[in-house]
């Protein structure tokens, strides 16, 4: 169960104010049980559930605890709707900021509905998962590597260091000096055992052909900077069973579908950033 906060937010009050307003959308059919009335407004079972869900409150198995949470939520809603009525009677108006927040909340909800509908019409299938598992297993090349690397912003500095490295001992000494000079730099030096898909793309071909205990004879440039690459060891890699990674693959494929759908939506909407 997620943590339940009883402190009401301005946004929820304003949304409640809109619900109380006679000009609000009346197209929603709510035939669930009425739990409370505030003036002419009915707080129903479904309305309370939606409120709790928006606050990150999940229904719990313990009936007594669930009843208590719903009772607390109903008490908050009664107070909020009552405040909204007072604001409406006093003629208070939403500021532009509040109106923007409400508009953005509606847009977020519609965007989520669009994604859910798209995924429902284009689900990740078992065949999709199996094909991705096969592709990934083949991409791993059946090996994993014990990798070290040094990272520089300046290629000239990297080349100067590389020129001084003739043996594995030379590399390890250079690495020790580097780490001493850059104590706060992360993910450099000895990065341990990793597979070919976990390294920058510029590392992949060199790692497959380098002898163990060797430094790549050239610097490698990635989006992170200029690297000196050292391979300490390699060993066979046994891919995990499909059942072990199926959930992760399914989630990854699902996210890919969402990303592609979002990109397509931007194109269809002819969206552009105006400088």
C-alpha atoms as a PDB file:
ATOM      1  CA  UNK A   1       0.000   0.000   0.000  1.00  0.00           C
ATOM      2  CA  UNK A   2       1.281   3.440  -0.876  1.00  0.00           C
ATOM      3  CA  UNK A   3       1.507   6.112   1.776  1.00  0.00           C
ATOM      4  CA  UNK A   4      -1.747   8.004   2.239  1.00  0.00           C
ATOM      5  CA  UNK A   5      -1.529  11.735   2.913  1.00  0.00           C
ATOM      6  CA  UNK A   6      -4.535  13.476   4.440  1.00  0.00           C
ATOM      7  CA  UNK A   7      -3.293  16.995   3.620  1.00  0.00           C
ATOM      8  CA  UNK A   8      -5.352  18.251   0.688  1.00  0.00           C
ATOM      9  CA  UNK A   9      -3.711  19.981  -2.256  1.00  0.00           C
ATOM     10  CA  UNK A  10      -4.849  23.105  -4.034  1.00  0.00           C
ATOM     11  CA  UNK A  11      -5.186  21.223  -7.285  1.00  0.00           C
ATOM     12  CA  UNK A  12      -7.605  18.705  -5.827  1.00  0.00           C
ATOM     13  CA  UNK A  13      -9.675  21.526  -4.321  1.00  0.00           C
ATOM     14  CA  UNK A  14      -9.856  23.289  -7.665  1.00  0.00           C
ATOM     15  CA  UNK A  15     -10.838  20.083  -9.426  1.00  0.00           C
ATOM     16  CA  UNK A  16     -13.545  19.629  -6.824  1.00  0.00           C
ATOM     17  CA  UNK A  17     -14.632  23.213  -7.397  1.00  0.00           C
ATOM     18  CA  UNK A  18     -15.076  22.472 -11.077  1.00  0.00           C
ATOM     19  CA  UNK A  19     -17.071  19.372 -10.228  1.00  0.00           C
ATOM     20  CA  UNK A  20     -19.394  21.471  -8.045  1.00  0.00           C
ATOM     21  CA  UNK A  21     -19.773  24.184 -10.657  1.00  0.00           C
ATOM     22  CA  UNK A  22     -22.993  23.996 -12.660  1.00  0.00           C
ATOM     23  CA  UNK A  23     -21.036  24.579 -15.870  1.00  0.00           C
ATOM     24  CA  UNK A  24     -18.889  21.485 -15.308  1.00  0.00           C
ATOM     25  CA  UNK A  25     -19.112  18.494 -17.625  1.00  0.00           C
ATOM     26  CA  UNK A  26     -22.230  16.460 -16.803  1.00  0.00           C
ATOM     27  CA  UNK A  27     -21.622  13.709 -19.345  1.00  0.00           C
ATOM     28  CA  UNK A  28     -20.149  11.350 -16.732  1.00  0.00           C
ATOM     29  CA  UNK A  29     -22.713   8.761 -15.656  1.00  0.00           C
ATOM     30  CA  UNK A  30     -22.144   7.852 -12.021  1.00  0.00           C
ATOM     31  CA  UNK A  31     -24.721   5.435 -10.687  1.00  0.00           C
ATOM     32  CA  UNK A  32     -22.663   4.214  -7.740  1.00  0.00           C
ATOM     33  CA  UNK A  33     -23.825   4.524  -4.139  1.00  0.00           C
ATOM     34  CA  UNK A  34     -24.072   8.052  -2.702  1.00  0.00           C
ATOM     35  CA  UNK A  35     -21.907   8.334   0.409  1.00  0.00           C
ATOM     36  CA  UNK A  36     -22.394  12.013   1.252  1.00  0.00           C
ATOM     37  CA  UNK A  37     -24.065  15.141  -0.073  1.00  0.00           C
ATOM     38  CA  UNK A  38     -22.684  18.658   0.080  1.00  0.00           C
ATOM     39  CA  UNK A  39     -25.352  21.029  -1.125  1.00  0.00           C
ATOM     40  CA  UNK A  40     -26.475  19.600  -4.454  1.00  0.00           C
ATOM     41  CA  UNK A  41     -23.263  17.665  -5.026  1.00  0.00           C
ATOM     42  CA  UNK A  42     -23.159  13.915  -4.413  1.00  0.00           C
ATOM     43  CA  UNK A  43     -19.975  12.197  -3.290  1.00  0.00           C
ATOM     44  CA  UNK A  44     -20.303   8.621  -4.514  1.00  0.00           C
ATOM     45  CA  UNK A  45     -18.401   5.354  -4.138  1.00  0.00           C
ATOM     46  CA  UNK A  46     -16.792   5.776  -7.559  1.00  0.00           C
ATOM     47  CA  UNK A  47     -15.948   9.430  -6.910  1.00  0.00           C
ATOM     48  CA  UNK A  48     -14.240   8.471  -3.640  1.00  0.00           C
ATOM     49  CA  UNK A  49     -12.336   5.641  -5.334  1.00  0.00           C
ATOM     50  CA  UNK A  50     -11.104   8.015  -8.058  1.00  0.00           C
ATOM     51  CA  UNK A  51      -9.995  10.482  -5.373  1.00  0.00           C
ATOM     52  CA  UNK A  52      -8.073   7.815  -3.460  1.00  0.00           C
ATOM     53  CA  UNK A  53      -6.438   6.515  -6.632  1.00  0.00           C
ATOM     54  CA  UNK A  54      -5.310  10.048  -7.508  1.00  0.00           C
ATOM     55  CA  UNK A  55      -3.656  10.248  -4.094  1.00  0.00           C
ATOM     56  CA  UNK A  56      -1.758   6.987  -4.599  1.00  0.00           C
ATOM     57  CA  UNK A  57      -3.919   4.942  -2.244  1.00  0.00           C
ATOM     58  CA  UNK A  58      -4.369   1.291  -3.208  1.00  0.00           C
ATOM     59  CA  UNK A  59      -7.147  -0.890  -1.908  1.00  0.00           C
ATOM     60  CA  UNK A  60      -5.786  -3.221   0.772  1.00  0.00           C
ATOM     61  CA  UNK A  61      -6.825  -6.761   1.541  1.00  0.00           C
ATOM     62  CA  UNK A  62      -7.507  -6.028   5.207  1.00  0.00           C
ATOM     63  CA  UNK A  63     -11.171  -4.982   5.154  1.00  0.00           C
ATOM     64  CA  UNK A  64     -10.972  -3.033   8.395  1.00  0.00           C
ATOM     65  CA  UNK A  65      -7.928  -1.057   7.202  1.00  0.00           C
ATOM     66  CA  UNK A  66      -9.528  -0.459   3.805  1.00  0.00           C
ATOM     67  CA  UNK A  67     -12.699   0.789   5.494  1.00  0.00           C
ATOM     68  CA  UNK A  68     -10.638   3.176   7.610  1.00  0.00           C
ATOM     69  CA  UNK A  69      -8.792   4.560   4.572  1.00  0.00           C
ATOM     70  CA  UNK A  70     -12.044   5.153   2.716  1.00  0.00           C
ATOM     71  CA  UNK A  71     -13.574   6.818   5.770  1.00  0.00           C
ATOM     72  CA  UNK A  72     -10.580   9.159   6.045  1.00  0.00           C
ATOM     73  CA  UNK A  73     -10.750   9.906   2.325  1.00  0.00           C
ATOM     74  CA  UNK A  74     -14.470  10.654   2.506  1.00  0.00           C
ATOM     75  CA  UNK A  75     -13.875  13.076   5.378  1.00  0.00           C
ATOM     76  CA  UNK A  76     -11.244  14.921   3.291  1.00  0.00           C
ATOM     77  CA  UNK A  77     -13.563  15.047   0.276  1.00  0.00           C
ATOM     78  CA  UNK A  78     -16.487  16.435   2.317  1.00  0.00           C
ATOM     79  CA  UNK A  79     -14.263  19.239   3.597  1.00  0.00           C
ATOM     80  CA  UNK A  80     -12.873  19.968   0.131  1.00  0.00           C
ATOM     81  CA  UNK A  81     -16.248  20.087  -1.552  1.00  0.00           C
ATOM     82  CA  UNK A  82     -17.556  22.287   1.236  1.00  0.00           C
ATOM     83  CA  UNK A  83     -14.639  24.680   0.757  1.00  0.00           C
ATOM     84  CA  UNK A  84     -15.235  24.642  -2.985  1.00  0.00           C
ATOM     85  CA  UNK A  85     -18.869  25.632  -2.443  1.00  0.00           C
ATOM     86  CA  UNK A  86     -17.797  28.494  -0.222  1.00  0.00           C
ATOM     87  CA  UNK A  87     -15.321  29.662  -2.853  1.00  0.00           C
ATOM     88  CA  UNK A  88     -17.983  29.440  -5.553  1.00  0.00           C
ATOM     89  CA  UNK A  89     -20.516  31.410  -3.512  1.00  0.00           C
ATOM     90  CA  UNK A  90     -17.897  34.073  -2.772  1.00  0.00           C
ATOM     91  CA  UNK A  91     -17.225  34.431  -6.492  1.00  0.00           C
ATOM     92  CA  UNK A  92     -13.581  33.403  -6.264  1.00  0.00           C
ATOM     93  CA  UNK A  93     -11.944  32.799  -9.627  1.00  0.00           C
ATOM     94  CA  UNK A  94      -9.206  30.411 -10.617  1.00  0.00           C
ATOM     95  CA  UNK A  95      -5.929  32.084 -11.466  1.00  0.00           C
ATOM     96  CA  UNK A  96      -4.247  31.414 -14.782  1.00  0.00           C
ATOM     97  CA  UNK A  97      -1.771  29.129 -12.985  1.00  0.00           C
ATOM     98  CA  UNK A  98      -4.622  27.067 -11.527  1.00  0.00           C
ATOM     99  CA  UNK A  99      -6.350  26.876 -14.906  1.00  0.00           C
ATOM    100  CA  UNK A 100      -3.114  25.677 -16.500  1.00  0.00           C
ATOM    101  CA  UNK A 101      -2.704  22.995 -13.815  1.00  0.00           C
ATOM    102  CA  UNK A 102      -6.229  21.719 -14.460  1.00  0.00           C
ATOM    103  CA  UNK A 103      -5.693  21.757 -18.223  1.00  0.00           C
ATOM    104  CA  UNK A 104      -2.430  19.840 -17.843  1.00  0.00           C
ATOM    105  CA  UNK A 105      -4.076  17.289 -15.539  1.00  0.00           C
ATOM    106  CA  UNK A 106      -6.705  16.673 -18.216  1.00  0.00           C
ATOM    107  CA  UNK A 107      -4.019  16.363 -20.892  1.00  0.00           C
ATOM    108  CA  UNK A 108      -2.055  13.867 -18.779  1.00  0.00           C
ATOM    109  CA  UNK A 109      -5.185  11.769 -18.275  1.00  0.00           C
ATOM    110  CA  UNK A 110      -6.030  11.813 -21.995  1.00  0.00           C
ATOM    111  CA  UNK A 111      -2.429  10.977 -22.901  1.00  0.00           C
ATOM    112  CA  UNK A 112      -2.520   7.986 -20.568  1.00  0.00           C
ATOM    113  CA  UNK A 113      -5.807   6.821 -22.095  1.00  0.00           C
ATOM    114  CA  UNK A 114      -4.298   7.106 -25.579  1.00  0.00           C
ATOM    115  CA  UNK A 115      -1.313   4.982 -24.521  1.00  0.00           C
ATOM    116  CA  UNK A 116      -3.504   2.353 -22.855  1.00  0.00           C
ATOM    117  CA  UNK A 117      -5.757   2.110 -25.926  1.00  0.00           C
ATOM    118  CA  UNK A 118      -2.718   1.801 -28.205  1.00  0.00           C
ATOM    119  CA  UNK A 119      -1.198  -0.965 -26.078  1.00  0.00           C
ATOM    120  CA  UNK A 120      -4.529  -2.748 -25.933  1.00  0.00           C
ATOM    121  CA  UNK A 121      -4.758  -2.706 -29.738  1.00  0.00           C
ATOM    122  CA  UNK A 122      -1.043  -3.512 -30.149  1.00  0.00           C
ATOM    123  CA  UNK A 123      -0.073  -5.778 -27.242  1.00  0.00           C
ATOM    124  CA  UNK A 124       3.349  -7.282 -26.679  1.00  0.00           C
ATOM    125  CA  UNK A 125       2.874 -10.910 -27.703  1.00  0.00           C
ATOM    126  CA  UNK A 126       4.639 -14.048 -26.560  1.00  0.00           C
ATOM    127  CA  UNK A 127       6.172 -14.271 -30.038  1.00  0.00           C
ATOM    128  CA  UNK A 128       7.542 -10.731 -29.628  1.00  0.00           C
ATOM    129  CA  UNK A 129       9.157 -11.662 -26.316  1.00  0.00           C
ATOM    130  CA  UNK A 130      10.669 -14.870 -27.701  1.00  0.00           C
ATOM    131  CA  UNK A 131      12.068 -13.072 -30.757  1.00  0.00           C
ATOM    132  CA  UNK A 132      13.646 -10.352 -28.614  1.00  0.00           C
ATOM    133  CA  UNK A 133      15.107 -12.978 -26.279  1.00  0.00           C
ATOM    134  CA  UNK A 134      16.660 -14.765 -29.250  1.00  0.00           C
ATOM    135  CA  UNK A 135      18.034 -11.522 -30.713  1.00  0.00           C
ATOM    136  CA  UNK A 136      19.529 -10.445 -27.389  1.00  0.00           C
ATOM    137  CA  UNK A 137      21.030 -13.867 -26.689  1.00  0.00           C
ATOM    138  CA  UNK A 138      22.758 -13.852 -30.075  1.00  0.00           C
ATOM    139  CA  UNK A 139      23.964 -10.280 -29.553  1.00  0.00           C
ATOM    140  CA  UNK A 140      25.710 -11.268 -26.316  1.00  0.00           C
ATOM    141  CA  UNK A 141      28.171 -13.335 -28.401  1.00  0.00           C
ATOM    142  CA  UNK A 142      28.397 -15.984 -25.684  1.00  0.00           C
ATOM    143  CA  UNK A 143      31.099 -14.115 -23.736  1.00  0.00           C
ATOM    144  CA  UNK A 144      31.475 -11.585 -20.973  1.00  0.00           C
ATOM    145  CA  UNK A 145      34.454  -9.374 -20.325  1.00  0.00           C
ATOM    146  CA  UNK A 146      36.375  -8.011 -17.352  1.00  0.00           C
ATOM    147  CA  UNK A 147      36.831  -4.448 -18.544  1.00  0.00           C
ATOM    148  CA  UNK A 148      38.862  -1.441 -17.423  1.00  0.00           C
ATOM    149  CA  UNK A 149      38.906   1.971 -19.071  1.00  0.00           C
ATOM    150  CA  UNK A 150      40.120   5.516 -18.556  1.00  0.00           C
ATOM    151  CA  UNK A 151      38.124   8.496 -19.744  1.00  0.00           C
ATOM    152  CA  UNK A 152      39.445  11.848 -20.939  1.00  0.00           C
ATOM    153  CA  UNK A 153      37.846  14.992 -22.286  1.00  0.00           C
ATOM    154  CA  UNK A 154      40.951  15.787 -24.322  1.00  0.00           C
ATOM    155  CA  UNK A 155      42.204  13.325 -26.952  1.00  0.00           C
ATOM    156  CA  UNK A 156      45.761  14.668 -26.801  1.00  0.00           C
ATOM    157  CA  UNK A 157      45.974  13.823 -23.088  1.00  0.00           C
ATOM    158  CA  UNK A 158      44.565  10.344 -23.741  1.00  0.00           C
ATOM    159  CA  UNK A 159      47.114   9.738 -26.519  1.00  0.00           C
ATOM    160  CA  UNK A 160      49.985  10.848 -24.281  1.00  0.00           C
ATOM    161  CA  UNK A 161      48.936   8.327 -21.619  1.00  0.00           C
ATOM    162  CA  UNK A 162      48.386   5.562 -24.179  1.00  0.00           C
ATOM    163  CA  UNK A 163      51.900   6.103 -25.591  1.00  0.00           C
ATOM    164  CA  UNK A 164      53.342   5.299 -22.166  1.00  0.00           C
ATOM    165  CA  UNK A 165      51.415   2.009 -21.810  1.00  0.00           C
ATOM    166  CA  UNK A 166      53.403  -0.954 -23.148  1.00  0.00           C
ATOM    167  CA  UNK A 167      52.406  -3.724 -20.717  1.00  0.00           C
ATOM    168  CA  UNK A 168      49.533  -4.641 -18.442  1.00  0.00           C
ATOM    169  CA  UNK A 169      51.552  -3.354 -15.488  1.00  0.00           C
ATOM    170  CA  UNK A 170      51.908  -0.026 -17.283  1.00  0.00           C
ATOM    171  CA  UNK A 171      48.158   0.179 -17.715  1.00  0.00           C
ATOM    172  CA  UNK A 172      47.393  -0.686 -14.091  1.00  0.00           C
ATOM    173  CA  UNK A 173      49.886   1.941 -12.917  1.00  0.00           C
ATOM    174  CA  UNK A 174      48.292   4.526 -15.236  1.00  0.00           C
ATOM    175  CA  UNK A 175      44.873   3.566 -13.883  1.00  0.00           C
ATOM    176  CA  UNK A 176      46.018   4.008 -10.279  1.00  0.00           C
ATOM    177  CA  UNK A 177      47.427   7.456 -11.103  1.00  0.00           C
ATOM    178  CA  UNK A 178      44.216   8.388 -12.933  1.00  0.00           C
ATOM    179  CA  UNK A 179      41.958   7.357 -10.025  1.00  0.00           C
ATOM    180  CA  UNK A 180      44.153   9.220  -7.567  1.00  0.00           C
ATOM    181  CA  UNK A 181      43.922  12.370  -9.707  1.00  0.00           C
ATOM    182  CA  UNK A 182      40.155  11.951 -10.340  1.00  0.00           C
ATOM    183  CA  UNK A 183      38.716  10.578  -7.073  1.00  0.00           C
ATOM    184  CA  UNK A 184      35.119  11.636  -7.848  1.00  0.00           C
ATOM    185  CA  UNK A 185      34.842  10.225 -11.372  1.00  0.00           C
ATOM    186  CA  UNK A 186      32.450   7.262 -11.573  1.00  0.00           C
ATOM    187  CA  UNK A 187      32.308   4.240 -13.888  1.00  0.00           C
ATOM    188  CA  UNK A 188      35.995   4.377 -14.806  1.00  0.00           C
ATOM    189  CA  UNK A 189      38.922   2.157 -13.918  1.00  0.00           C
ATOM    190  CA  UNK A 190      37.893  -1.428 -13.163  1.00  0.00           C
ATOM    191  CA  UNK A 191      34.213  -1.749 -14.109  1.00  0.00           C
ATOM    192  CA  UNK A 192      34.095  -5.498 -13.535  1.00  0.00           C
ATOM    193  CA  UNK A 193      32.475  -8.276 -15.545  1.00  0.00           C
ATOM    194  CA  UNK A 194      30.026  -7.051 -18.171  1.00  0.00           C
ATOM    195  CA  UNK A 195      28.500  -8.361 -21.371  1.00  0.00           C
ATOM    196  CA  UNK A 196      28.912  -6.831 -24.805  1.00  0.00           C
ATOM    197  CA  UNK A 197      25.532  -5.065 -24.643  1.00  0.00           C
ATOM    198  CA  UNK A 198      26.474  -3.188 -21.474  1.00  0.00           C
ATOM    199  CA  UNK A 199      29.405  -1.232 -22.916  1.00  0.00           C
ATOM    200  CA  UNK A 200      29.509   1.770 -25.256  1.00  0.00           C
ATOM    201  CA  UNK A 201      29.168   0.680 -28.873  1.00  0.00           C
ATOM    202  CA  UNK A 202      32.754   1.717 -29.689  1.00  0.00           C
ATOM    203  CA  UNK A 203      33.996  -0.926 -27.194  1.00  0.00           C
ATOM    204  CA  UNK A 204      32.177  -3.867 -28.753  1.00  0.00           C
ATOM    205  CA  UNK A 205      34.313  -4.859 -31.741  1.00  0.00           C
ATOM    206  CA  UNK A 206      37.634  -4.261 -29.930  1.00  0.00           C
ATOM    207  CA  UNK A 207      36.608  -6.410 -26.958  1.00  0.00           C
ATOM    208  CA  UNK A 208      35.794  -9.357 -29.216  1.00  0.00           C
ATOM    209  CA  UNK A 209      39.305  -9.448 -30.719  1.00  0.00           C
ATOM    210  CA  UNK A 210      41.588  -8.121 -27.953  1.00  0.00           C
ATOM    211  CA  UNK A 211      43.887 -10.569 -26.166  1.00  0.00           C
ATOM    212  CA  UNK A 212      43.416 -10.734 -22.406  1.00  0.00           C
ATOM    213  CA  UNK A 213      45.635  -8.474 -20.292  1.00  0.00           C
ATOM    214  CA  UNK A 214      45.990  -6.034 -23.174  1.00  0.00           C
ATOM    215  CA  UNK A 215      45.302  -2.396 -23.953  1.00  0.00           C
ATOM    216  CA  UNK A 216      43.585  -1.436 -27.178  1.00  0.00           C
ATOM    217  CA  UNK A 217      46.256   0.215 -29.366  1.00  0.00           C
ATOM    218  CA  UNK A 218      44.034   3.176 -30.252  1.00  0.00           C
ATOM    219  CA  UNK A 219      41.927   5.581 -28.264  1.00  0.00           C
ATOM    220  CA  UNK A 220      38.161   5.165 -28.623  1.00  0.00           C
ATOM    221  CA  UNK A 221      35.761   8.097 -28.853  1.00  0.00           C
ATOM    222  CA  UNK A 222      32.198   7.839 -27.559  1.00  0.00           C
ATOM    223  CA  UNK A 223      29.534  10.320 -26.517  1.00  0.00           C
ATOM    224  CA  UNK A 224      31.171  10.331 -23.079  1.00  0.00           C
ATOM    225  CA  UNK A 225      34.660  11.341 -24.203  1.00  0.00           C
ATOM    226  CA  UNK A 226      37.936   9.659 -25.189  1.00  0.00           C
ATOM    227  CA  UNK A 227      38.661   6.202 -23.757  1.00  0.00           C
ATOM    228  CA  UNK A 228      41.689   4.022 -23.169  1.00  0.00           C
ATOM    229  CA  UNK A 229      40.368   0.447 -23.112  1.00  0.00           C
ATOM    230  CA  UNK A 230      41.952  -2.453 -21.213  1.00  0.00           C
ATOM    231  CA  UNK A 231      40.736  -6.072 -21.209  1.00  0.00           C
ATOM    232  CA  UNK A 232      41.737  -8.049 -18.133  1.00  0.00           C
ATOM    233  CA  UNK A 233      39.931 -11.323 -18.893  1.00  0.00           C
ATOM    234  CA  UNK A 234      37.047 -12.962 -20.723  1.00  0.00           C
ATOM    235  CA  UNK A 235      34.912 -16.004 -20.036  1.00  0.00           C
ATOM    236  CA  UNK A 236      31.947 -17.881 -21.515  1.00  0.00           C
ATOM    237  CA  UNK A 237      28.571 -16.327 -20.862  1.00  0.00           C
ATOM    238  CA  UNK A 238      25.509 -18.501 -20.453  1.00  0.00           C
ATOM    239  CA  UNK A 239      22.362 -16.576 -21.323  1.00  0.00           C
ATOM    240  CA  UNK A 240      19.681 -16.662 -18.611  1.00  0.00           C
ATOM    241  CA  UNK A 241      16.598 -18.790 -19.161  1.00  0.00           C
ATOM    242  CA  UNK A 242      13.702 -17.025 -20.888  1.00  0.00           C
ATOM    243  CA  UNK A 243      11.501 -17.405 -17.812  1.00  0.00           C
ATOM    244  CA  UNK A 244      14.039 -15.446 -15.760  1.00  0.00           C
ATOM    245  CA  UNK A 245      14.086 -12.396 -18.024  1.00  0.00           C
ATOM    246  CA  UNK A 246      10.646 -12.575 -19.643  1.00  0.00           C
ATOM    247  CA  UNK A 247       9.084  -9.857 -17.462  1.00  0.00           C
ATOM    248  CA  UNK A 248      11.955  -7.453 -18.142  1.00  0.00           C
ATOM    249  CA  UNK A 249      11.850  -8.107 -21.886  1.00  0.00           C
ATOM    250  CA  UNK A 250       8.090  -7.606 -21.966  1.00  0.00           C
ATOM    251  CA  UNK A 251       8.386  -4.301 -20.103  1.00  0.00           C
ATOM    252  CA  UNK A 252      11.184  -3.143 -22.427  1.00  0.00           C
ATOM    253  CA  UNK A 253       9.142  -3.979 -25.533  1.00  0.00           C
ATOM    254  CA  UNK A 254       6.127  -2.258 -24.023  1.00  0.00           C
ATOM    255  CA  UNK A 255       8.170   0.901 -23.440  1.00  0.00           C
ATOM    256  CA  UNK A 256       9.455   0.758 -27.017  1.00  0.00           C
ATOM    257  CA  UNK A 257       5.860   0.678 -28.281  1.00  0.00           C
ATOM    258  CA  UNK A 258       5.008   3.666 -26.095  1.00  0.00           C
ATOM    259  CA  UNK A 259       8.063   5.605 -27.316  1.00  0.00           C
ATOM    260  CA  UNK A 260       7.251   4.936 -30.987  1.00  0.00           C
ATOM    261  CA  UNK A 261       3.601   5.878 -30.453  1.00  0.00           C
ATOM    262  CA  UNK A 262       4.623   9.133 -28.765  1.00  0.00           C
ATOM    263  CA  UNK A 263       6.968   9.968 -31.649  1.00  0.00           C
ATOM    264  CA  UNK A 264       4.204   9.246 -34.163  1.00  0.00           C
ATOM    265  CA  UNK A 265       1.778  11.410 -32.196  1.00  0.00           C
ATOM    266  CA  UNK A 266       4.217  14.336 -32.310  1.00  0.00           C
ATOM    267  CA  UNK A 267       4.583  13.922 -36.089  1.00  0.00           C
ATOM    268  CA  UNK A 268       0.815  13.669 -36.677  1.00  0.00           C
ATOM    269  CA  UNK A 269       0.188  16.727 -34.515  1.00  0.00           C
ATOM    270  CA  UNK A 270       2.800  18.654 -36.536  1.00  0.00           C
ATOM    271  CA  UNK A 271       4.314  19.715 -33.239  1.00  0.00           C
ATOM    272  CA  UNK A 272       7.365  21.948 -33.264  1.00  0.00           C
ATOM    273  CA  UNK A 273       9.422  23.922 -30.798  1.00  0.00           C
ATOM    274  CA  UNK A 274       9.295  27.641 -31.515  1.00  0.00           C
ATOM    275  CA  UNK A 275      12.593  29.329 -30.688  1.00  0.00           C
END
